[in-house]
């Protein structure tokens, strides 16, 4: 499935990537208004540059950009089992089927869960 993106979104992502790589890690988080996380990445980037050189700073920049785009760090992206959320959905559907619930009731339950997650994420 392809996702259509506007030129404005592409330009913003490009600016964030350039800022992360050329200025300092944390730029994309700061641009989103996540000051504490952004400043933490600025500090971590400087420390990583001192300890590991430019590669360390680029790693922190990549983590910052990943966090700003997905809400998850690089570590989480690479260590979390893909489809873990799907598994709990599969379990829920399986349990509902075992209880004899009609599909409409299962779908309604899933929609409620999605709405809860959406509003929780939107308010944070």
N, C-alpha and C. Protein backbone atom coordinates (compact mmCIF):
# COMPACT_ATOMS: atom_id res chain seq x y z
N UNK A 1 0.85 -1.16 0.00
CA UNK A 1 0.00 0.00 0.00
C UNK A 1 0.90 1.23 0.00
N UNK A 2 0.68 2.13 -0.94
CA UNK A 2 1.49 3.34 -1.00
C UNK A 2 0.78 4.47 -0.28
N UNK A 3 1.57 5.32 0.31
CA UNK A 3 1.04 6.46 1.04
C UNK A 3 1.40 7.72 0.26
N UNK A 4 0.39 8.49 -0.11
CA UNK A 4 0.63 9.74 -0.83
C UNK A 4 1.03 10.80 0.18
N UNK A 5 2.12 11.49 -0.13
CA UNK A 5 2.60 12.54 0.76
C UNK A 5 2.67 13.84 -0.02
N UNK A 6 2.38 14.92 0.66
CA UNK A 6 2.42 16.23 0.00
C UNK A 6 3.85 16.73 -0.07
N UNK A 7 4.08 17.67 -0.94
CA UNK A 7 5.41 18.29 -1.05
C UNK A 7 5.79 18.96 0.27
N UNK A 8 4.81 19.51 0.97
CA UNK A 8 5.08 20.16 2.26
C UNK A 8 5.61 19.15 3.28
N UNK A 9 5.00 17.95 3.31
CA UNK A 9 5.45 16.90 4.23
C UNK A 9 6.86 16.44 3.87
N UNK A 10 7.11 16.28 2.59
CA UNK A 10 8.43 15.85 2.14
C UNK A 10 9.48 16.90 2.48
N UNK A 11 9.14 18.18 2.27
CA UNK A 11 10.07 19.27 2.60
C UNK A 11 10.35 19.32 4.10
N UNK A 12 9.32 19.12 4.91
CA UNK A 12 9.50 19.14 6.37
C UNK A 12 10.40 17.99 6.82
N UNK A 13 10.17 16.80 6.27
CA UNK A 13 11.01 15.64 6.62
C UNK A 13 12.46 15.87 6.18
N UNK A 14 12.63 16.44 5.00
CA UNK A 14 13.98 16.73 4.50
C UNK A 14 14.69 17.72 5.40
N UNK A 15 13.96 18.77 5.81
CA UNK A 15 14.54 19.78 6.71
C UNK A 15 14.92 19.17 8.06
N UNK A 16 14.07 18.29 8.56
CA UNK A 16 14.36 17.64 9.84
C UNK A 16 15.59 16.74 9.73
N UNK A 17 15.66 15.96 8.66
CA UNK A 17 16.82 15.09 8.46
C UNK A 17 18.11 15.91 8.32
N UNK A 18 18.03 17.00 7.54
CA UNK A 18 19.20 17.85 7.36
C UNK A 18 19.61 18.48 8.69
N UNK A 19 18.63 18.91 9.45
CA UNK A 19 18.92 19.50 10.76
C UNK A 19 19.56 18.51 11.70
N UNK A 20 19.05 17.29 11.69
CA UNK A 20 19.61 16.24 12.55
C UNK A 20 21.06 15.96 12.18
N UNK A 21 21.32 15.84 10.88
CA UNK A 21 22.66 15.44 10.41
C UNK A 21 23.65 16.60 10.40
N UNK A 22 23.19 17.80 10.06
CA UNK A 22 24.11 18.92 9.86
C UNK A 22 24.20 19.88 11.04
N UNK A 23 23.14 20.00 11.81
CA UNK A 23 23.15 20.92 12.95
C UNK A 23 23.45 20.17 14.25
N UNK A 24 22.44 19.53 14.76
CA UNK A 24 22.60 18.78 16.01
C UNK A 24 21.46 17.77 16.15
N UNK A 25 21.70 16.63 16.75
CA UNK A 25 20.60 15.70 17.03
C UNK A 25 19.55 16.39 17.90
N UNK A 26 18.30 16.04 17.68
CA UNK A 26 17.21 16.60 18.46
C UNK A 26 16.39 17.64 17.72
N UNK A 27 16.86 18.06 16.54
CA UNK A 27 16.17 19.11 15.79
C UNK A 27 14.73 18.71 15.47
N UNK A 28 14.52 17.50 15.01
CA UNK A 28 13.16 17.08 14.63
C UNK A 28 12.23 17.03 15.84
N UNK A 29 12.76 16.64 16.99
CA UNK A 29 11.95 16.63 18.21
C UNK A 29 11.64 18.05 18.66
N UNK A 30 12.63 18.93 18.59
CA UNK A 30 12.40 20.32 18.95
C UNK A 30 11.38 20.96 18.01
N UNK A 31 11.43 20.61 16.73
CA UNK A 31 10.48 21.16 15.76
C UNK A 31 9.05 20.71 16.06
N UNK A 32 8.90 19.57 16.70
CA UNK A 32 7.58 19.07 17.09
C UNK A 32 7.12 19.63 18.43
N UNK A 33 7.96 20.44 19.06
CA UNK A 33 7.61 20.99 20.36
C UNK A 33 7.90 20.08 21.52
N UNK A 34 8.70 19.05 21.29
CA UNK A 34 9.08 18.11 22.35
C UNK A 34 10.43 18.56 22.90
N UNK A 35 10.38 19.65 23.68
CA UNK A 35 11.59 20.31 24.15
C UNK A 35 12.50 19.44 25.00
N UNK A 36 11.94 18.75 25.97
CA UNK A 36 12.78 17.94 26.86
C UNK A 36 13.48 16.82 26.10
N UNK A 37 12.73 16.11 25.27
CA UNK A 37 13.34 15.03 24.49
C UNK A 37 14.36 15.58 23.50
N UNK A 38 14.02 16.71 22.88
CA UNK A 38 14.93 17.32 21.92
C UNK A 38 16.24 17.74 22.57
N UNK A 39 16.13 18.41 23.72
CA UNK A 39 17.34 18.86 24.43
C UNK A 39 18.15 17.68 24.95
N UNK A 40 17.45 16.62 25.36
CA UNK A 40 18.16 15.41 25.80
C UNK A 40 18.97 14.83 24.64
N UNK A 41 18.41 14.86 23.45
CA UNK A 41 19.14 14.35 22.28
C UNK A 41 20.29 15.28 21.88
N UNK A 42 20.11 16.58 22.09
CA UNK A 42 21.22 17.52 21.83
C UNK A 42 22.40 17.15 22.73
N UNK A 43 22.12 16.99 24.03
CA UNK A 43 23.17 16.63 24.98
C UNK A 43 23.78 15.27 24.69
N UNK A 44 22.93 14.30 24.40
CA UNK A 44 23.43 12.96 24.10
C UNK A 44 24.26 12.96 22.82
N UNK A 45 23.85 13.77 21.85
CA UNK A 45 24.60 13.87 20.60
C UNK A 45 25.98 14.43 20.81
N UNK A 46 26.07 15.48 21.64
CA UNK A 46 27.38 16.06 21.93
C UNK A 46 28.27 15.08 22.69
N UNK A 47 27.67 14.39 23.65
CA UNK A 47 28.45 13.40 24.42
C UNK A 47 28.90 12.25 23.51
N UNK A 48 28.01 11.81 22.63
CA UNK A 48 28.36 10.71 21.72
C UNK A 48 29.45 11.14 20.74
N UNK A 49 29.41 12.41 20.33
CA UNK A 49 30.45 12.90 19.41
C UNK A 49 31.80 12.92 20.11
N UNK A 50 31.79 13.34 21.37
CA UNK A 50 33.05 13.36 22.13
C UNK A 50 33.58 11.96 22.36
N UNK A 51 32.68 11.03 22.67
CA UNK A 51 33.10 9.68 23.00
C UNK A 51 33.39 8.81 21.78
N UNK A 52 32.56 8.95 20.74
CA UNK A 52 32.64 8.03 19.60
C UNK A 52 32.91 8.71 18.27
N UNK A 53 32.97 10.02 18.28
CA UNK A 53 33.19 10.75 17.04
C UNK A 53 31.90 10.98 16.28
N UNK A 54 32.00 11.38 15.02
CA UNK A 54 30.81 11.70 14.22
C UNK A 54 29.81 10.54 14.11
N UNK A 55 30.30 9.32 14.10
CA UNK A 55 29.39 8.17 14.01
C UNK A 55 28.45 8.11 15.21
N UNK A 56 28.97 8.41 16.39
CA UNK A 56 28.14 8.42 17.59
C UNK A 56 27.06 9.48 17.52
N UNK A 57 27.46 10.66 17.03
CA UNK A 57 26.49 11.75 16.89
C UNK A 57 25.43 11.40 15.85
N UNK A 58 25.82 10.77 14.76
CA UNK A 58 24.85 10.39 13.74
C UNK A 58 23.88 9.32 14.25
N UNK A 59 24.37 8.43 15.11
CA UNK A 59 23.49 7.44 15.70
C UNK A 59 22.42 8.12 16.56
N UNK A 60 22.83 9.09 17.37
CA UNK A 60 21.87 9.82 18.20
C UNK A 60 20.90 10.60 17.32
N UNK A 61 21.40 11.17 16.23
CA UNK A 61 20.53 11.90 15.30
C UNK A 61 19.50 10.95 14.68
N UNK A 62 19.93 9.77 14.30
CA UNK A 62 19.01 8.78 13.72
C UNK A 62 17.95 8.38 14.74
N UNK A 63 18.36 8.21 15.98
CA UNK A 63 17.42 7.87 17.04
C UNK A 63 16.39 8.99 17.23
N UNK A 64 16.86 10.22 17.23
CA UNK A 64 15.98 11.37 17.39
C UNK A 64 14.95 11.44 16.26
N UNK A 65 15.42 11.27 15.02
CA UNK A 65 14.52 11.34 13.88
C UNK A 65 13.50 10.19 13.93
N UNK A 66 13.98 9.01 14.25
CA UNK A 66 13.10 7.84 14.35
C UNK A 66 12.03 8.08 15.43
N UNK A 67 12.44 8.61 16.55
CA UNK A 67 11.51 8.89 17.65
C UNK A 67 10.48 9.93 17.22
N UNK A 68 10.92 10.94 16.48
CA UNK A 68 9.98 11.98 16.05
C UNK A 68 8.98 11.46 15.02
N UNK A 69 9.39 10.51 14.18
CA UNK A 69 8.51 10.00 13.13
C UNK A 69 7.60 8.86 13.60
N UNK A 70 8.10 8.01 14.49
CA UNK A 70 7.34 6.82 14.86
C UNK A 70 6.90 6.79 16.32
N UNK A 71 7.50 7.63 17.14
CA UNK A 71 7.19 7.59 18.57
C UNK A 71 7.97 6.50 19.29
N UNK A 72 8.87 5.82 18.56
CA UNK A 72 9.67 4.76 19.16
C UNK A 72 11.14 5.00 18.85
N UNK A 73 11.99 4.62 19.79
CA UNK A 73 13.42 4.77 19.57
C UNK A 73 13.93 3.71 18.59
N UNK A 74 15.15 3.91 18.11
CA UNK A 74 15.75 2.91 17.22
C UNK A 74 15.84 1.56 17.91
N UNK A 75 16.23 1.57 19.18
CA UNK A 75 16.35 0.33 19.94
C UNK A 75 15.02 -0.42 19.94
N UNK A 76 13.94 0.30 20.22
CA UNK A 76 12.62 -0.32 20.23
C UNK A 76 12.23 -0.82 18.85
N UNK A 77 12.54 -0.03 17.82
CA UNK A 77 12.22 -0.43 16.46
C UNK A 77 12.87 -1.76 16.09
N UNK A 78 14.11 -1.96 16.53
CA UNK A 78 14.85 -3.16 16.14
C UNK A 78 14.69 -4.33 17.10
N UNK A 79 14.17 -4.08 18.29
CA UNK A 79 14.05 -5.18 19.24
C UNK A 79 12.63 -5.63 19.48
N UNK A 80 11.64 -4.85 19.06
CA UNK A 80 10.25 -5.23 19.25
C UNK A 80 9.84 -6.20 18.15
N UNK A 81 9.21 -7.26 18.55
CA UNK A 81 8.75 -8.24 17.58
C UNK A 81 7.66 -7.63 16.72
N UNK A 82 7.82 -7.76 15.42
CA UNK A 82 6.82 -7.25 14.50
C UNK A 82 5.51 -7.99 14.72
N UNK A 83 4.43 -7.23 14.68
CA UNK A 83 3.11 -7.83 14.82
C UNK A 83 2.73 -8.18 16.24
N UNK A 84 3.45 -7.66 17.23
CA UNK A 84 3.11 -7.97 18.61
C UNK A 84 1.71 -7.49 18.93
N UNK A 85 1.35 -6.31 18.42
CA UNK A 85 0.00 -5.79 18.62
C UNK A 85 -1.02 -6.66 17.91
N UNK A 86 -0.66 -7.18 16.74
CA UNK A 86 -1.56 -8.06 16.00
C UNK A 86 -1.84 -9.32 16.80
N UNK A 87 -0.84 -9.81 17.52
CA UNK A 87 -1.03 -11.04 18.28
C UNK A 87 -2.09 -10.85 19.36
N UNK A 88 -2.07 -9.71 20.05
CA UNK A 88 -3.09 -9.50 21.08
C UNK A 88 -4.46 -9.35 20.43
N UNK A 89 -4.51 -8.75 19.25
CA UNK A 89 -5.77 -8.66 18.52
C UNK A 89 -6.26 -10.06 18.13
N UNK A 90 -5.32 -10.88 17.67
CA UNK A 90 -5.69 -12.26 17.32
C UNK A 90 -6.23 -13.01 18.54
N UNK A 91 -5.58 -12.80 19.69
CA UNK A 91 -6.05 -13.45 20.91
C UNK A 91 -7.44 -12.97 21.30
N UNK A 92 -7.66 -11.66 21.19
CA UNK A 92 -8.97 -11.11 21.53
C UNK A 92 -10.07 -11.68 20.64
N UNK A 93 -9.79 -11.73 19.34
CA UNK A 93 -10.78 -12.26 18.39
C UNK A 93 -11.02 -13.75 18.66
N UNK A 94 -9.94 -14.47 18.92
CA UNK A 94 -10.07 -15.90 19.20
C UNK A 94 -10.91 -16.14 20.45
N UNK A 95 -10.67 -15.35 21.51
CA UNK A 95 -11.44 -15.50 22.75
C UNK A 95 -12.91 -15.15 22.51
N UNK A 96 -13.15 -14.10 21.72
CA UNK A 96 -14.53 -13.71 21.43
C UNK A 96 -15.23 -14.81 20.65
N UNK A 97 -14.52 -15.43 19.72
CA UNK A 97 -15.08 -16.53 18.93
C UNK A 97 -15.39 -17.72 19.83
N UNK A 98 -14.48 -18.00 20.77
CA UNK A 98 -14.70 -19.10 21.72
C UNK A 98 -15.94 -18.84 22.58
N UNK A 99 -16.22 -17.57 22.86
CA UNK A 99 -17.39 -17.21 23.67
C UNK A 99 -18.67 -17.18 22.83
N UNK A 100 -18.53 -17.32 21.51
CA UNK A 100 -19.69 -17.32 20.63
C UNK A 100 -20.20 -15.94 20.28
N UNK A 101 -19.37 -14.92 20.46
CA UNK A 101 -19.80 -13.56 20.14
C UNK A 101 -19.93 -13.40 18.63
N UNK A 102 -20.95 -12.67 18.18
CA UNK A 102 -21.08 -12.41 16.74
C UNK A 102 -20.01 -11.43 16.28
N UNK A 103 -19.70 -11.47 14.99
CA UNK A 103 -18.62 -10.64 14.45
C UNK A 103 -18.89 -9.15 14.67
N UNK A 104 -20.13 -8.73 14.63
CA UNK A 104 -20.46 -7.32 14.84
C UNK A 104 -20.00 -6.86 16.23
N UNK A 105 -20.19 -7.71 17.23
CA UNK A 105 -19.79 -7.37 18.60
C UNK A 105 -18.26 -7.31 18.71
N UNK A 106 -17.57 -8.21 18.02
CA UNK A 106 -16.11 -8.21 18.03
C UNK A 106 -15.58 -6.94 17.37
N UNK A 107 -16.16 -6.59 16.21
CA UNK A 107 -15.73 -5.38 15.50
C UNK A 107 -15.97 -4.15 16.36
N UNK A 108 -17.11 -4.07 17.02
CA UNK A 108 -17.42 -2.93 17.88
C UNK A 108 -16.39 -2.80 19.00
N UNK A 109 -16.00 -3.93 19.58
CA UNK A 109 -15.01 -3.93 20.64
C UNK A 109 -13.65 -3.43 20.15
N UNK A 110 -13.27 -3.89 18.96
CA UNK A 110 -11.99 -3.47 18.38
C UNK A 110 -12.02 -1.97 18.08
N UNK A 111 -13.12 -1.49 17.54
CA UNK A 111 -13.25 -0.05 17.24
C UNK A 111 -13.11 0.76 18.52
N UNK A 112 -13.73 0.31 19.59
CA UNK A 112 -13.61 1.02 20.88
C UNK A 112 -12.16 1.07 21.34
N UNK A 113 -11.44 -0.04 21.20
CA UNK A 113 -10.02 -0.07 21.59
C UNK A 113 -9.20 0.89 20.74
N UNK A 114 -9.45 0.92 19.45
CA UNK A 114 -8.73 1.82 18.55
C UNK A 114 -9.02 3.28 18.92
N UNK A 115 -10.27 3.58 19.19
CA UNK A 115 -10.63 4.95 19.58
C UNK A 115 -9.94 5.35 20.88
N UNK A 116 -9.90 4.43 21.85
CA UNK A 116 -9.21 4.72 23.11
C UNK A 116 -7.74 5.02 22.89
N UNK A 117 -7.08 4.20 22.09
CA UNK A 117 -5.65 4.41 21.80
C UNK A 117 -5.45 5.74 21.07
N UNK A 118 -6.32 6.03 20.11
CA UNK A 118 -6.23 7.27 19.34
C UNK A 118 -6.33 8.48 20.27
N UNK A 119 -7.35 8.52 21.12
CA UNK A 119 -7.54 9.67 21.99
C UNK A 119 -6.43 9.77 23.04
N UNK A 120 -5.94 8.63 23.52
CA UNK A 120 -4.84 8.62 24.47
C UNK A 120 -3.58 9.23 23.84
N UNK A 121 -3.29 8.81 22.62
CA UNK A 121 -2.10 9.30 21.90
C UNK A 121 -2.26 10.78 21.57
N UNK A 122 -3.44 11.18 21.15
CA UNK A 122 -3.69 12.56 20.76
C UNK A 122 -3.57 13.51 21.95
N UNK A 123 -3.95 13.07 23.13
CA UNK A 123 -3.88 13.95 24.30
C UNK A 123 -2.49 14.02 24.92
N UNK A 124 -1.59 13.09 24.52
CA UNK A 124 -0.24 13.12 25.11
C UNK A 124 0.71 13.98 24.33
